[in-house]
Amino acid sequence: SQPRYYTSYDVSEHNYAEDLWVSIFDCVLNLTPLIYFENGQETYPLLEAAGTDITRWFKRGINNEITIRTHIHPLSNIEVPMVPPPYLRLLHVPPTGPISTWRNNFKTPWWQDPAYVSGKLSARP
């Protein structure tokens, strides 16, 4: 079937926890079910970004795969995931150091999971 197209305005109308959409590159994601089941500090960046484009958090990897941006940590000189400031964590992003509370019981990170894709982002306003 044909993908459904949404404008950035359409995405912006879904801007709260009970109805949360974001766009990444040309995809529109409905993260409402994710936020419903995941509640914690790792979801705060998503709640704050509800209804917006969060492409700046990601990069295209091999085979056009969407991956989280990274940077070199100024103190450790180690490449670490770039988490949107002022937050220290983002759901499904590995922590920068050892931590016993990180849950890695997911198969696919939410930004790569086709179950959350609602459609494509239209180039038209």
PDB file of N, CA and C in Angstrom:
ATOM      1  N   SER A   1       0.833  -1.189   0.000  1.00  0.00           N
ATOM      2  CA  SER A   1       0.000   0.000   0.000  1.00  0.00           C
ATOM      3  C   SER A   1       0.876   1.250   0.000  1.00  0.00           C
ATOM      4  N   GLN A   2       0.301   2.343  -0.407  1.00  0.00           N
ATOM      5  CA  GLN A   2       1.008   3.615  -0.489  1.00  0.00           C
ATOM      6  C   GLN A   2       1.212   4.198   0.906  1.00  0.00           C
ATOM      7  N   PRO A   3       2.390   4.785   1.166  1.00  0.00           N
ATOM      8  CA  PRO A   3       2.587   5.421   2.474  1.00  0.00           C
ATOM      9  C   PRO A   3       1.721   6.677   2.596  1.00  0.00           C
ATOM     10  N   ARG A   4       1.310   6.967   3.779  1.00  0.00           N
ATOM     11  CA  ARG A   4       0.542   8.172   4.043  1.00  0.00           C
ATOM     12  C   ARG A   4       1.520   9.318   4.255  1.00  0.00           C
ATOM     13  N   TYR A   5       1.180  10.496   3.750  1.00  0.00           N
ATOM     14  CA  TYR A   5       2.049  11.662   3.877  1.00  0.00           C
ATOM     15  C   TYR A   5       1.458  12.663   4.857  1.00  0.00           C
ATOM     16  N   TYR A   6       2.351  13.248   5.665  1.00  0.00           N
ATOM     17  CA  TYR A   6       1.962  14.238   6.653  1.00  0.00           C
ATOM     18  C   TYR A   6       2.840  15.477   6.497  1.00  0.00           C
ATOM     19  N   THR A   7       2.281  16.620   6.824  1.00  0.00           N
ATOM     20  CA  THR A   7       3.064  17.855   6.836  1.00  0.00           C
ATOM     21  C   THR A   7       3.659  18.042   8.227  1.00  0.00           C
ATOM     22  N   SER A   8       4.598  18.968   8.346  1.00  0.00           N
ATOM     23  CA  SER A   8       5.154  19.260   9.667  1.00  0.00           C
ATOM     24  C   SER A   8       4.075  19.823  10.584  1.00  0.00           C
ATOM     25  N   TYR A   9       3.087  20.502  10.003  1.00  0.00           N
ATOM     26  CA  TYR A   9       1.965  20.993  10.811  1.00  0.00           C
ATOM     27  C   TYR A   9       1.158  19.825  11.376  1.00  0.00           C
ATOM     28  N   ASP A  10       0.914  18.803  10.555  1.00  0.00           N
ATOM     29  CA  ASP A  10       0.198  17.607  11.041  1.00  0.00           C
ATOM     30  C   ASP A  10       0.928  16.998  12.239  1.00  0.00           C
ATOM     31  N   VAL A  11       2.244  16.885  12.121  1.00  0.00           N
ATOM     32  CA  VAL A  11       3.044  16.312  13.202  1.00  0.00           C
ATOM     33  C   VAL A  11       2.951  17.193  14.454  1.00  0.00           C
ATOM     34  N   SER A  12       2.983  18.502  14.265  1.00  0.00           N
ATOM     35  CA  SER A  12       2.991  19.425  15.406  1.00  0.00           C
ATOM     36  C   SER A  12       1.714  19.352  16.242  1.00  0.00           C
ATOM     37  N   GLU A  13       0.635  18.859  15.672  1.00  0.00           N
ATOM     38  CA  GLU A  13      -0.619  18.740  16.422  1.00  0.00           C
ATOM     39  C   GLU A  13      -0.606  17.572  17.414  1.00  0.00           C
ATOM     40  N   HIS A  14       0.363  16.692  17.308  1.00  0.00           N
ATOM     41  CA  HIS A  14       0.477  15.520  18.181  1.00  0.00           C
ATOM     42  C   HIS A  14       1.620  15.769  19.160  1.00  0.00           C
ATOM     43  N   ASN A  15       1.381  16.651  20.117  1.00  0.00           N
ATOM     44  CA  ASN A  15       2.477  17.173  20.925  1.00  0.00           C
ATOM     45  C   ASN A  15       2.321  16.987  22.432  1.00  0.00           C
ATOM     46  N   TYR A  16       1.732  15.887  22.842  1.00  0.00           N
ATOM     47  CA  TYR A  16       1.651  15.593  24.270  1.00  0.00           C
ATOM     48  C   TYR A  16       1.731  14.079  24.475  1.00  0.00           C
ATOM     49  N   ALA A  17       1.922  13.660  25.717  1.00  0.00           N
ATOM     50  CA  ALA A  17       2.227  12.256  26.018  1.00  0.00           C
ATOM     51  C   ALA A  17       1.165  11.288  25.515  1.00  0.00           C
ATOM     52  N   GLU A  18      -0.090  11.678  25.574  1.00  0.00           N
ATOM     53  CA  GLU A  18      -1.173  10.783  25.163  1.00  0.00           C
ATOM     54  C   GLU A  18      -1.345  10.726  23.656  1.00  0.00           C
ATOM     55  N   ASP A  19      -0.607  11.531  22.922  1.00  0.00           N
ATOM     56  CA  ASP A  19      -0.675  11.584  21.460  1.00  0.00           C
ATOM     57  C   ASP A  19       0.632  12.207  20.967  1.00  0.00           C
ATOM     58  N   LEU A  20       1.683  11.400  20.891  1.00  0.00           N
ATOM     59  CA  LEU A  20       3.024  11.924  20.662  1.00  0.00           C
ATOM     60  C   LEU A  20       3.586  11.441  19.334  1.00  0.00           C
ATOM     61  N   TRP A  21       3.789  12.390  18.430  1.00  0.00           N
ATOM     62  CA  TRP A  21       4.422  12.112  17.149  1.00  0.00           C
ATOM     63  C   TRP A  21       5.696  12.930  17.054  1.00  0.00           C
ATOM     64  N   VAL A  22       6.658  12.413  16.303  1.00  0.00           N
ATOM     65  CA  VAL A  22       7.869  13.141  15.939  1.00  0.00           C
ATOM     66  C   VAL A  22       8.199  12.779  14.494  1.00  0.00           C
ATOM     67  N   SER A  23       9.073  13.564  13.895  1.00  0.00           N
ATOM     68  CA  SER A  23       9.579  13.187  12.573  1.00  0.00           C
ATOM     69  C   SER A  23      11.094  13.074  12.651  1.00  0.00           C
ATOM     70  N   ILE A  24      11.608  12.104  11.889  1.00  0.00           N
ATOM     71  CA  ILE A  24      13.049  11.880  11.763  1.00  0.00           C
ATOM     72  C   ILE A  24      13.316  11.689  10.277  1.00  0.00           C
ATOM     73  N   PHE A  25      14.156  12.540   9.715  1.00  0.00           N
ATOM     74  CA  PHE A  25      14.416  12.554   8.281  1.00  0.00           C
ATOM     75  C   PHE A  25      13.074  12.637   7.566  1.00  0.00           C
ATOM     76  N   ASP A  26      12.706  11.656   6.784  1.00  0.00           N
ATOM     77  CA  ASP A  26      11.444  11.733   6.043  1.00  0.00           C
ATOM     78  C   ASP A  26      10.350  10.857   6.644  1.00  0.00           C
ATOM     79  N   CYS A  27      10.554  10.350   7.852  1.00  0.00           N
ATOM     80  CA  CYS A  27       9.575   9.460   8.494  1.00  0.00           C
ATOM     81  C   CYS A  27       8.815  10.174   9.606  1.00  0.00           C
ATOM     82  N   VAL A  28       7.540   9.838   9.722  1.00  0.00           N
ATOM     83  CA  VAL A  28       6.717  10.315  10.826  1.00  0.00           C
ATOM     84  C   VAL A  28       6.480   9.124  11.752  1.00  0.00           C
ATOM     85  N   LEU A  29       6.831   9.306  13.023  1.00  0.00           N
ATOM     86  CA  LEU A  29       6.700   8.234  14.003  1.00  0.00           C
ATOM     87  C   LEU A  29       5.621   8.585  15.024  1.00  0.00           C
ATOM     88  N   ASN A  30       4.754   7.634  15.299  1.00  0.00           N
ATOM     89  CA  ASN A  30       3.770   7.765  16.367  1.00  0.00           C
ATOM     90  C   ASN A  30       4.336   7.020  17.572  1.00  0.00           C
ATOM     91  N   LEU A  31       4.833   7.761  18.549  1.00  0.00           N
ATOM     92  CA  LEU A  31       5.475   7.162  19.720  1.00  0.00           C
ATOM     93  C   LEU A  31       4.524   7.039  20.911  1.00  0.00           C
ATOM     94  N   THR A  32       3.248   7.282  20.689  1.00  0.00           N
ATOM     95  CA  THR A  32       2.266   7.200  21.778  1.00  0.00           C
ATOM     96  C   THR A  32       2.322   5.862  22.501  1.00  0.00           C
ATOM     97  N   PRO A  33       2.301   4.713  21.791  1.00  0.00           N
ATOM     98  CA  PRO A  33       2.360   3.433  22.514  1.00  0.00           C
ATOM     99  C   PRO A  33       3.660   3.251  23.293  1.00  0.00           C
ATOM    100  N   LEU A  34       4.757   3.740  22.755  1.00  0.00           N
ATOM    101  CA  LEU A  34       6.049   3.631  23.431  1.00  0.00           C
ATOM    102  C   LEU A  34       6.020   4.403  24.742  1.00  0.00           C
ATOM    103  N   ILE A  35       5.533   5.627  24.700  1.00  0.00           N
ATOM    104  CA  ILE A  35       5.482   6.474  25.887  1.00  0.00           C
ATOM    105  C   ILE A  35       4.504   5.899  26.914  1.00  0.00           C
ATOM    106  N   TYR A  36       3.463   5.255  26.436  1.00  0.00           N
ATOM    107  CA  TYR A  36       2.484   4.645  27.340  1.00  0.00           C
ATOM    108  C   TYR A  36       3.137   3.547  28.187  1.00  0.00           C
ATOM    109  N   PHE A  37       4.005   2.749  27.562  1.00  0.00           N
ATOM    110  CA  PHE A  37       4.621   1.630  28.265  1.00  0.00           C
ATOM    111  C   PHE A  37       5.944   1.980  28.941  1.00  0.00           C
ATOM    112  N   GLU A  38       6.600   3.005  28.467  1.00  0.00           N
ATOM    113  CA  GLU A  38       7.882   3.425  29.040  1.00  0.00           C
ATOM    114  C   GLU A  38       7.671   4.751  29.762  1.00  0.00           C
ATOM    115  N   ASN A  39       7.936   4.771  31.032  1.00  0.00           N
ATOM    116  CA  ASN A  39       7.822   6.035  31.757  1.00  0.00           C
ATOM    117  C   ASN A  39       9.037   6.177  32.649  1.00  0.00           C
ATOM    118  N   GLY A  40       9.735   7.225  32.456  1.00  0.00           N
ATOM    119  CA  GLY A  40      10.943   7.460  33.231  1.00  0.00           C
ATOM    120  C   GLY A  40      11.732   8.589  32.619  1.00  0.00           C
ATOM    121  N   GLN A  41      12.840   8.889  33.240  1.00  0.00           N
ATOM    122  CA  GLN A  41      13.651  10.013  32.785  1.00  0.00           C
ATOM    123  C   GLN A  41      14.145   9.846  31.361  1.00  0.00           C
ATOM    124  N   GLU A  42      14.285   8.600  30.901  1.00  0.00           N
ATOM    125  CA  GLU A  42      14.769   8.370  29.543  1.00  0.00           C
ATOM    126  C   GLU A  42      13.758   8.817  28.488  1.00  0.00           C
ATOM    127  N   THR A  43      12.500   9.006  28.860  1.00  0.00           N
ATOM    128  CA  THR A  43      11.483   9.471  27.904  1.00  0.00           C
ATOM    129  C   THR A  43      11.327  10.987  27.912  1.00  0.00           C
ATOM    130  N   TYR A  44      11.920  11.682  28.877  1.00  0.00           N
ATOM    131  CA  TYR A  44      11.755  13.135  28.968  1.00  0.00           C
ATOM    132  C   TYR A  44      12.139  13.877  27.684  1.00  0.00           C
ATOM    133  N   PRO A  45      13.260  13.524  27.036  1.00  0.00           N
ATOM    134  CA  PRO A  45      13.572  14.231  25.788  1.00  0.00           C
ATOM    135  C   PRO A  45      12.473  14.056  24.736  1.00  0.00           C
ATOM    136  N   LEU A  46      11.870  12.873  24.677  1.00  0.00           N
ATOM    137  CA  LEU A  46      10.794  12.636  23.706  1.00  0.00           C
ATOM    138  C   LEU A  46       9.557  13.450  24.055  1.00  0.00           C
ATOM    139  N   LEU A  47       9.230  13.512  25.332  1.00  0.00           N
ATOM    140  CA  LEU A  47       8.073  14.299  25.755  1.00  0.00           C
ATOM    141  C   LEU A  47       8.274  15.771  25.422  1.00  0.00           C
ATOM    142  N   GLU A  48       9.470  16.273  25.636  1.00  0.00           N
ATOM    143  CA  GLU A  48       9.750  17.673  25.337  1.00  0.00           C
ATOM    144  C   GLU A  48       9.743  17.952  23.829  1.00  0.00           C
ATOM    145  N   ALA A  49      10.128  16.963  23.048  1.00  0.00           N
ATOM    146  CA  ALA A  49      10.215  17.138  21.591  1.00  0.00           C
ATOM    147  C   ALA A  49       8.928  16.743  20.864  1.00  0.00           C
ATOM    148  N   ALA A  50       7.899  16.384  21.593  1.00  0.00           N
ATOM    149  CA  ALA A  50       6.646  15.939  20.968  1.00  0.00           C
ATOM    150  C   ALA A  50       6.160  16.936  19.926  1.00  0.00           C
ATOM    151  N   GLY A  51       5.783  16.421  18.768  1.00  0.00           N
ATOM    152  CA  GLY A  51       5.256  17.264  17.705  1.00  0.00           C
ATOM    153  C   GLY A  51       6.305  17.973  16.870  1.00  0.00           C
ATOM    154  N   THR A  52       7.571  17.624  17.036  1.00  0.00           N
ATOM    155  CA  THR A  52       8.637  18.327  16.310  1.00  0.00           C
ATOM    156  C   THR A  52       9.483  17.356  15.493  1.00  0.00           C
ATOM    157  N   ASP A  53      10.396  17.934  14.737  1.00  0.00           N
ATOM    158  CA  ASP A  53      11.361  17.150  13.966  1.00  0.00           C
ATOM    159  C   ASP A  53      12.614  16.964  14.822  1.00  0.00           C
ATOM    160  N   ILE A  54      13.039  15.714  15.000  1.00  0.00           N
ATOM    161  CA  ILE A  54      14.210  15.432  15.834  1.00  0.00           C
ATOM    162  C   ILE A  54      15.353  14.831  15.015  1.00  0.00           C
ATOM    163  N   THR A  55      15.369  15.142  13.742  1.00  0.00           N
ATOM    164  CA  THR A  55      16.414  14.628  12.859  1.00  0.00           C
ATOM    165  C   THR A  55      17.804  14.968  13.381  1.00  0.00           C
ATOM    166  N   ARG A  56      17.971  16.117  14.011  1.00  0.00           N
ATOM    167  CA  ARG A  56      19.290  16.546  14.496  1.00  0.00           C
ATOM    168  C   ARG A  56      19.884  15.581  15.517  1.00  0.00           C
ATOM    169  N   TRP A  57      19.072  14.713  16.112  1.00  0.00           N
ATOM    170  CA  TRP A  57      19.568  13.733  17.079  1.00  0.00           C
ATOM    171  C   TRP A  57      20.203  12.525  16.390  1.00  0.00           C
ATOM    172  N   PHE A  58      20.020  12.390  15.076  1.00  0.00           N
ATOM    173  CA  PHE A  58      20.367  11.158  14.369  1.00  0.00           C
ATOM    174  C   PHE A  58      21.240  11.418  13.156  1.00  0.00           C
ATOM    175  N   LYS A  59      21.774  10.328  12.624  1.00  0.00           N
ATOM    176  CA  LYS A  59      22.523  10.374  11.365  1.00  0.00           C
ATOM    177  C   LYS A  59      22.147   9.126  10.572  1.00  0.00           C
ATOM    178  N   ARG A  60      22.415   9.176   9.295  1.00  0.00           N
ATOM    179  CA  ARG A  60      22.205   8.008   8.438  1.00  0.00           C
ATOM    180  C   ARG A  60      23.475   7.192   8.440  1.00  0.00           C
ATOM    181  N   GLY A  61      23.340   5.910   8.701  1.00  0.00           N
ATOM    182  CA  GLY A  61      24.493   5.023   8.733  1.00  0.00           C
ATOM    183  C   GLY A  61      24.579   4.182   7.480  1.00  0.00           C
ATOM    184  N   ILE A  62      25.226   3.052   7.611  1.00  0.00           N
ATOM    185  CA  ILE A  62      25.373   2.117   6.507  1.00  0.00           C
ATOM    186  C   ILE A  62      23.997   1.649   6.061  1.00  0.00           C
ATOM    187  N   ASN A  63      23.804   1.518   4.750  1.00  0.00           N
ATOM    188  CA  ASN A  63      22.526   1.097   4.160  1.00  0.00           C
ATOM    189  C   ASN A  63      21.379   2.019   4.542  1.00  0.00           C
ATOM    190  N   ASN A  64      21.698   3.311   4.771  1.00  0.00           N
ATOM    191  CA  ASN A  64      20.683   4.320   5.074  1.00  0.00           C
ATOM    192  C   ASN A  64      20.016   4.100   6.437  1.00  0.00           C
ATOM    193  N   GLU A  65      20.623   3.278   7.283  1.00  0.00           N
ATOM    194  CA  GLU A  65      20.075   2.991   8.602  1.00  0.00           C
ATOM    195  C   GLU A  65      20.188   4.230   9.495  1.00  0.00           C
ATOM    196  N   ILE A  66      19.135   4.510  10.252  1.00  0.00           N
ATOM    197  CA  ILE A  66      19.138   5.652  11.153  1.00  0.00           C
ATOM    198  C   ILE A  66      19.834   5.247  12.450  1.00  0.00           C
ATOM    199  N   THR A  67      20.857   6.010  12.830  1.00  0.00           N
ATOM    200  CA  THR A  67      21.583   5.749  14.067  1.00  0.00           C
ATOM    201  C   THR A  67      21.668   7.035  14.878  1.00  0.00           C
ATOM    202  N   ILE A  68      21.892   6.879  16.163  1.00  0.00           N
ATOM    203  CA  ILE A  68      22.008   8.045  17.046  1.00  0.00           C
ATOM    204  C   ILE A  68      23.349   8.742  16.784  1.00  0.00           C
ATOM    205  N   ARG A  69      23.347  10.055  16.792  1.00  0.00           N
ATOM    206  CA  ARG A  69      24.604  10.792  16.629  1.00  0.00           C
ATOM    207  C   ARG A  69      25.527  10.532  17.816  1.00  0.00           C
ATOM    208  N   THR A  70      26.801  10.663  17.570  1.00  0.00           N
ATOM    209  CA  THR A  70      27.792  10.490  18.630  1.00  0.00           C
ATOM    210  C   THR A  70      28.724  11.696  18.658  1.00  0.00           C
ATOM    211  N   HIS A  71      29.468  11.798  19.726  1.00  0.00           N
ATOM    212  CA  HIS A  71      30.495  12.833  19.838  1.00  0.00           C
ATOM    213  C   HIS A  71      31.592  12.308  20.757  1.00  0.00           C
ATOM    214  N   ILE A  72      32.706  12.993  20.784  1.00  0.00           N
ATOM    215  CA  ILE A  72      33.811  12.623  21.648  1.00  0.00           C
ATOM    216  C   ILE A  72      33.614  13.327  22.991  1.00  0.00           C
ATOM    217  N   HIS A  73      33.520  12.539  24.049  1.00  0.00           N
ATOM    218  CA  HIS A  73      33.329  13.097  25.390  1.00  0.00           C
ATOM    219  C   HIS A  73      34.567  13.902  25.772  1.00  0.00           C
ATOM    220  N   PRO A  74      34.371  15.141  26.247  1.00  0.00           N
ATOM    221  CA  PRO A  74      35.531  16.012  26.500  1.00  0.00           C
ATOM    222  C   PRO A  74      36.451  15.535  27.618  1.00  0.00           C
ATOM    223  N   LEU A  75      35.937  14.765  28.562  1.00  0.00           N
ATOM    224  CA  LEU A  75      36.785  14.304  29.667  1.00  0.00           C
ATOM    225  C   LEU A  75      37.419  12.945  29.403  1.00  0.00           C
ATOM    226  N   SER A  76      36.645  12.033  28.816  1.00  0.00           N
ATOM    227  CA  SER A  76      37.154  10.673  28.623  1.00  0.00           C
ATOM    228  C   SER A  76      37.783  10.446  27.250  1.00  0.00           C
ATOM    229  N   ASN A  77      37.518  11.348  26.301  1.00  0.00           N
ATOM    230  CA  ASN A  77      37.969  11.185  24.914  1.00  0.00           C
ATOM    231  C   ASN A  77      37.445   9.907  24.279  1.00  0.00           C
ATOM    232  N   ILE A  78      36.284   9.475  24.717  1.00  0.00           N
ATOM    233  CA  ILE A  78      35.631   8.283  24.180  1.00  0.00           C
ATOM    234  C   ILE A  78      34.407   8.716  23.379  1.00  0.00           C
ATOM    235  N   GLU A  79      34.169   8.023  22.271  1.00  0.00           N
ATOM    236  CA  GLU A  79      32.981   8.315  21.478  1.00  0.00           C
ATOM    237  C   GLU A  79      31.747   7.822  22.234  1.00  0.00           C
ATOM    238  N   VAL A  80      30.803   8.725  22.459  1.00  0.00           N
ATOM    239  CA  VAL A  80      29.593   8.403  23.217  1.00  0.00           C
ATOM    240  C   VAL A  80      28.367   8.919  22.460  1.00  0.00           C
ATOM    241  N   PRO A  81      27.186   8.343  22.740  1.00  0.00           N
ATOM    242  CA  PRO A  81      25.959   8.839  22.096  1.00  0.00           C
ATOM    243  C   PRO A  81      25.703  10.291  22.471  1.00  0.00           C
ATOM    244  N   MET A  82      25.205  11.055  21.509  1.00  0.00           N
ATOM    245  CA  MET A  82      24.864  12.447  21.744  1.00  0.00           C
ATOM    246  C   MET A  82      23.400  12.504  22.182  1.00  0.00           C
ATOM    247  N   VAL A  83      23.183  12.805  23.445  1.00  0.00           N
ATOM    248  CA  VAL A  83      21.842  12.886  24.011  1.00  0.00           C
ATOM    249  C   VAL A  83      21.434  14.356  24.041  1.00  0.00           C
ATOM    250  N   PRO A  84      20.168  14.650  23.672  1.00  0.00           N
ATOM    251  CA  PRO A  84      19.744  16.054  23.649  1.00  0.00           C
ATOM    252  C   PRO A  84      19.914  16.724  25.014  1.00  0.00           C
ATOM    253  N   PRO A  85      20.597  17.865  25.050  1.00  0.00           N
ATOM    254  CA  PRO A  85      20.760  18.565  26.329  1.00  0.00           C
ATOM    255  C   PRO A  85      19.410  19.092  26.805  1.00  0.00           C
ATOM    256  N   PRO A  86      19.170  19.215  28.068  1.00  0.00           N
ATOM    257  CA  PRO A  86      20.069  19.019  29.202  1.00  0.00           C
ATOM    258  C   PRO A  86      20.008  17.595  29.758  1.00  0.00           C
ATOM    259  N   TYR A  87      19.458  16.673  28.996  1.00  0.00           N
ATOM    260  CA  TYR A  87      19.223  15.321  29.495  1.00  0.00           C
ATOM    261  C   TYR A  87      20.487  14.473  29.424  1.00  0.00           C
ATOM    262  N   LEU A  88      20.552  13.505  30.332  1.00  0.00           N
ATOM    263  CA  LEU A  88      21.699  12.612  30.374  1.00  0.00           C
ATOM    264  C   LEU A  88      21.420  11.296  29.676  1.00  0.00           C
ATOM    265  N   ARG A  89      20.137  10.972  29.486  1.00  0.00           N
ATOM    266  CA  ARG A  89      19.764   9.682  28.908  1.00  0.00           C
ATOM    267  C   ARG A  89      18.643   9.856  27.901  1.00  0.00           C
ATOM    268  N   LEU A  90      18.558   8.913  26.965  1.00  0.00           N
ATOM    269  CA  LEU A  90      17.478   8.831  25.986  1.00  0.00           C
ATOM    270  C   LEU A  90      17.118   7.366  25.840  1.00  0.00           C
ATOM    271  N   LEU A  91      15.848   7.084  25.809  1.00  0.00           N
ATOM    272  CA  LEU A  91      15.346   5.717  25.747  1.00  0.00           C
ATOM    273  C   LEU A  91      16.012   4.918  24.629  1.00  0.00           C
ATOM    274  N   HIS A  92      16.511   3.737  24.945  1.00  0.00           N
ATOM    275  CA  HIS A  92      17.154   2.776  24.054  1.00  0.00           C
ATOM    276  C   HIS A  92      18.565   3.184  23.634  1.00  0.00           C
ATOM    277  N   VAL A  93      19.100   4.232  24.219  1.00  0.00           N
ATOM    278  CA  VAL A  93      20.484   4.630  23.944  1.00  0.00           C
ATOM    279  C   VAL A  93      21.341   4.119  25.089  1.00  0.00           C
ATOM    280  N   PRO A  94      22.391   3.361  24.793  1.00  0.00           N
ATOM    281  CA  PRO A  94      23.236   2.827  25.869  1.00  0.00           C
ATOM    282  C   PRO A  94      23.838   3.947  26.712  1.00  0.00           C
ATOM    283  N   PRO A  95      23.976   3.710  27.999  1.00  0.00           N
ATOM    284  CA  PRO A  95      24.612   4.720  28.848  1.00  0.00           C
ATOM    285  C   PRO A  95      26.093   4.861  28.500  1.00  0.00           C
ATOM    286  N   THR A  96      26.669   5.980  28.892  1.00  0.00           N
ATOM    287  CA  THR A  96      28.074   6.227  28.569  1.00  0.00           C
ATOM    288  C   THR A  96      29.031   5.478  29.491  1.00  0.00           C
ATOM    289  N   GLY A  97      28.521   4.958  30.584  1.00  0.00           N
ATOM    290  CA  GLY A  97      29.354   4.192  31.511  1.00  0.00           C
ATOM    291  C   GLY A  97      28.552   3.042  32.089  1.00  0.00           C
ATOM    292  N   PRO A  98      29.178   2.233  32.916  1.00  0.00           N
ATOM    293  CA  PRO A  98      28.464   1.111  33.503  1.00  0.00           C
ATOM    294  C   PRO A  98      27.317   1.589  34.397  1.00  0.00           C
ATOM    295  N   ILE A  99      26.180   0.960  34.241  1.00  0.00           N
ATOM    296  CA  ILE A  99      25.011   1.298  35.050  1.00  0.00           C
ATOM    297  C   ILE A  99      24.132   0.055  35.142  1.00  0.00           C
ATOM    298  N   SER A 100      23.682  -0.273  36.311  1.00  0.00           N
ATOM    299  CA  SER A 100      22.924  -1.514  36.506  1.00  0.00           C
ATOM    300  C   SER A 100      21.442  -1.364  36.173  1.00  0.00           C
ATOM    301  N   THR A 101      20.969  -0.141  36.019  1.00  0.00           N
ATOM    302  CA  THR A 101      19.535   0.064  35.788  1.00  0.00           C
ATOM    303  C   THR A 101      19.164   0.157  34.316  1.00  0.00           C
ATOM    304  N   TRP A 102      20.142   0.091  33.414  1.00  0.00           N
ATOM    305  CA  TRP A 102      19.817   0.210  31.995  1.00  0.00           C
ATOM    306  C   TRP A 102      19.158  -1.070  31.510  1.00  0.00           C
ATOM    307  N   ARG A 103      17.952  -0.908  30.956  1.00  0.00           N
ATOM    308  CA  ARG A 103      17.214  -2.060  30.425  1.00  0.00           C
ATOM    309  C   ARG A 103      17.499  -2.182  28.938  1.00  0.00           C
ATOM    310  N   ASN A 104      18.046  -3.300  28.547  1.00  0.00           N
ATOM    311  CA  ASN A 104      18.334  -3.539  27.133  1.00  0.00           C
ATOM    312  C   ASN A 104      17.499  -4.713  26.635  1.00  0.00           C
ATOM    313  N   ASN A 105      16.271  -4.801  27.106  1.00  0.00           N
ATOM    314  CA  ASN A 105      15.384  -5.908  26.751  1.00  0.00           C
ATOM    315  C   ASN A 105      14.510  -5.576  25.543  1.00  0.00           C
ATOM    316  N   PHE A 106      15.022  -4.812  24.619  1.00  0.00           N
ATOM    317  CA  PHE A 106      14.305  -4.467  23.395  1.00  0.00           C
ATOM    318  C   PHE A 106      15.083  -5.034  22.216  1.00  0.00           C
ATOM    319  N   LYS A 107      14.357  -5.393  21.173  1.00  0.00           N
ATOM    320  CA  LYS A 107      15.015  -5.953  19.989  1.00  0.00           C
ATOM    321  C   LYS A 107      15.519  -4.857  19.060  1.00  0.00           C
ATOM    322  N   THR A 108      14.703  -3.833  18.895  1.00  0.00           N
ATOM    323  CA  THR A 108      15.009  -2.758  17.961  1.00  0.00           C
ATOM    324  C   THR A 108      14.814  -1.428  18.666  1.00  0.00           C
ATOM    325  N   PRO A 109      15.766  -0.499  18.563  1.00  0.00           N
ATOM    326  CA  PRO A 109      15.540   0.813  19.168  1.00  0.00           C
ATOM    327  C   PRO A 109      14.344   1.505  18.503  1.00  0.00           C
ATOM    328  N   TRP A 110      13.650   2.326  19.255  1.00  0.00           N
ATOM    329  CA  TRP A 110      12.396   2.910  18.769  1.00  0.00           C
ATOM    330  C   TRP A 110      12.564   3.666  17.460  1.00  0.00           C
ATOM    331  N   TRP A 111      13.694   4.293  17.218  1.00  0.00           N
ATOM    332  CA  TRP A 111      13.868   5.075  15.985  1.00  0.00           C
ATOM    333  C   TRP A 111      14.070   4.189  14.755  1.00  0.00           C
ATOM    334  N   GLN A 112      14.305   2.887  14.954  1.00  0.00           N
ATOM    335  CA  GLN A 112      14.443   1.958  13.832  1.00  0.00           C
ATOM    336  C   GLN A 112      13.264   0.987  13.731  1.00  0.00           C
ATOM    337  N   ASP A 113      12.334   1.061  14.643  1.00  0.00           N
ATOM    338  CA  ASP A 113      11.232   0.104  14.713  1.00  0.00           C
ATOM    339  C   ASP A 113      10.112   0.509  13.749  1.00  0.00           C
ATOM    340  N   PRO A 114       9.839  -0.308  12.724  1.00  0.00           N
ATOM    341  CA  PRO A 114       8.798   0.039  11.752  1.00  0.00           C
ATOM    342  C   PRO A 114       7.397   0.083  12.362  1.00  0.00           C
ATOM    343  N   ALA A 115       7.212  -0.500  13.542  1.00  0.00           N
ATOM    344  CA  ALA A 115       5.898  -0.478  14.190  1.00  0.00           C
ATOM    345  C   ALA A 115       5.466   0.943  14.549  1.00  0.00           C
ATOM    346  N   TYR A 116       6.415   1.860  14.696  1.00  0.00           N
ATOM    347  CA  TYR A 116       6.078   3.237  15.073  1.00  0.00           C
ATOM    348  C   TYR A 116       5.931   4.175  13.879  1.00  0.00           C
ATOM    349  N   VAL A 117       6.222   3.706  12.694  1.00  0.00           N
ATOM    350  CA  VAL A 117       6.142   4.556  11.499  1.00  0.00           C
ATOM    351  C   VAL A 117       4.683   4.725  11.083  1.00  0.00           C
ATOM    352  N   SER A 118       4.239   5.980  11.068  1.00  0.00           N
ATOM    353  CA  SER A 118       2.868   6.298  10.632  1.00  0.00           C
ATOM    354  C   SER A 118       2.821   6.676   9.167  1.00  0.00           C
ATOM    355  N   GLY A 119       3.928   7.188   8.651  1.00  0.00           N
ATOM    356  CA  GLY A 119       3.956   7.603   7.257  1.00  0.00           C
ATOM    357  C   GLY A 119       5.213   8.384   6.955  1.00  0.00           C
ATOM    358  N   LYS A 120       5.131   9.149   5.891  1.00  0.00           N
ATOM    359  CA  LYS A 120       6.266   9.954   5.407  1.00  0.00           C
ATOM    360  C   LYS A 120       5.995  11.424   5.672  1.00  0.00           C
ATOM    361  N   LEU A 121       7.068  12.170   5.841  1.00  0.00           N
ATOM    362  CA  LEU A 121       6.969  13.611   6.004  1.00  0.00           C
ATOM    363  C   LEU A 121       6.961  14.252   4.632  1.00  0.00           C
ATOM    364  N   SER A 122       5.948  15.041   4.378  1.00  0.00           N
ATOM    365  CA  SER A 122       5.798  15.718   3.095  1.00  0.00           C
ATOM    366  C   SER A 122       6.788  16.874   3.002  1.00  0.00           C
ATOM    367  N   ALA A 123       7.307  17.095   1.820  1.00  0.00           N
ATOM    368  CA  ALA A 123       8.196  18.239   1.589  1.00  0.00           C
ATOM    369  C   ALA A 123       7.384  19.522   1.515  1.00  0.00           C
ATOM    370  N   ARG A 124       6.109  19.407   1.298  1.00  0.00           N
ATOM    371  CA  ARG A 124       5.236  20.589   1.238  1.00  0.00           C
ATOM    372  C   ARG A 124       4.898  21.044   2.647  1.00  0.00           C
ATOM    373  N   PRO A 125       4.728  22.350   2.817  1.00  0.00           N
ATOM    374  CA  PRO A 125       4.376  22.874   4.157  1.00  0.00           C
ATOM    375  C   PRO A 125       2.980  22.469   4.601  1.00  0.00           C
TER     376      PRO A 125
END
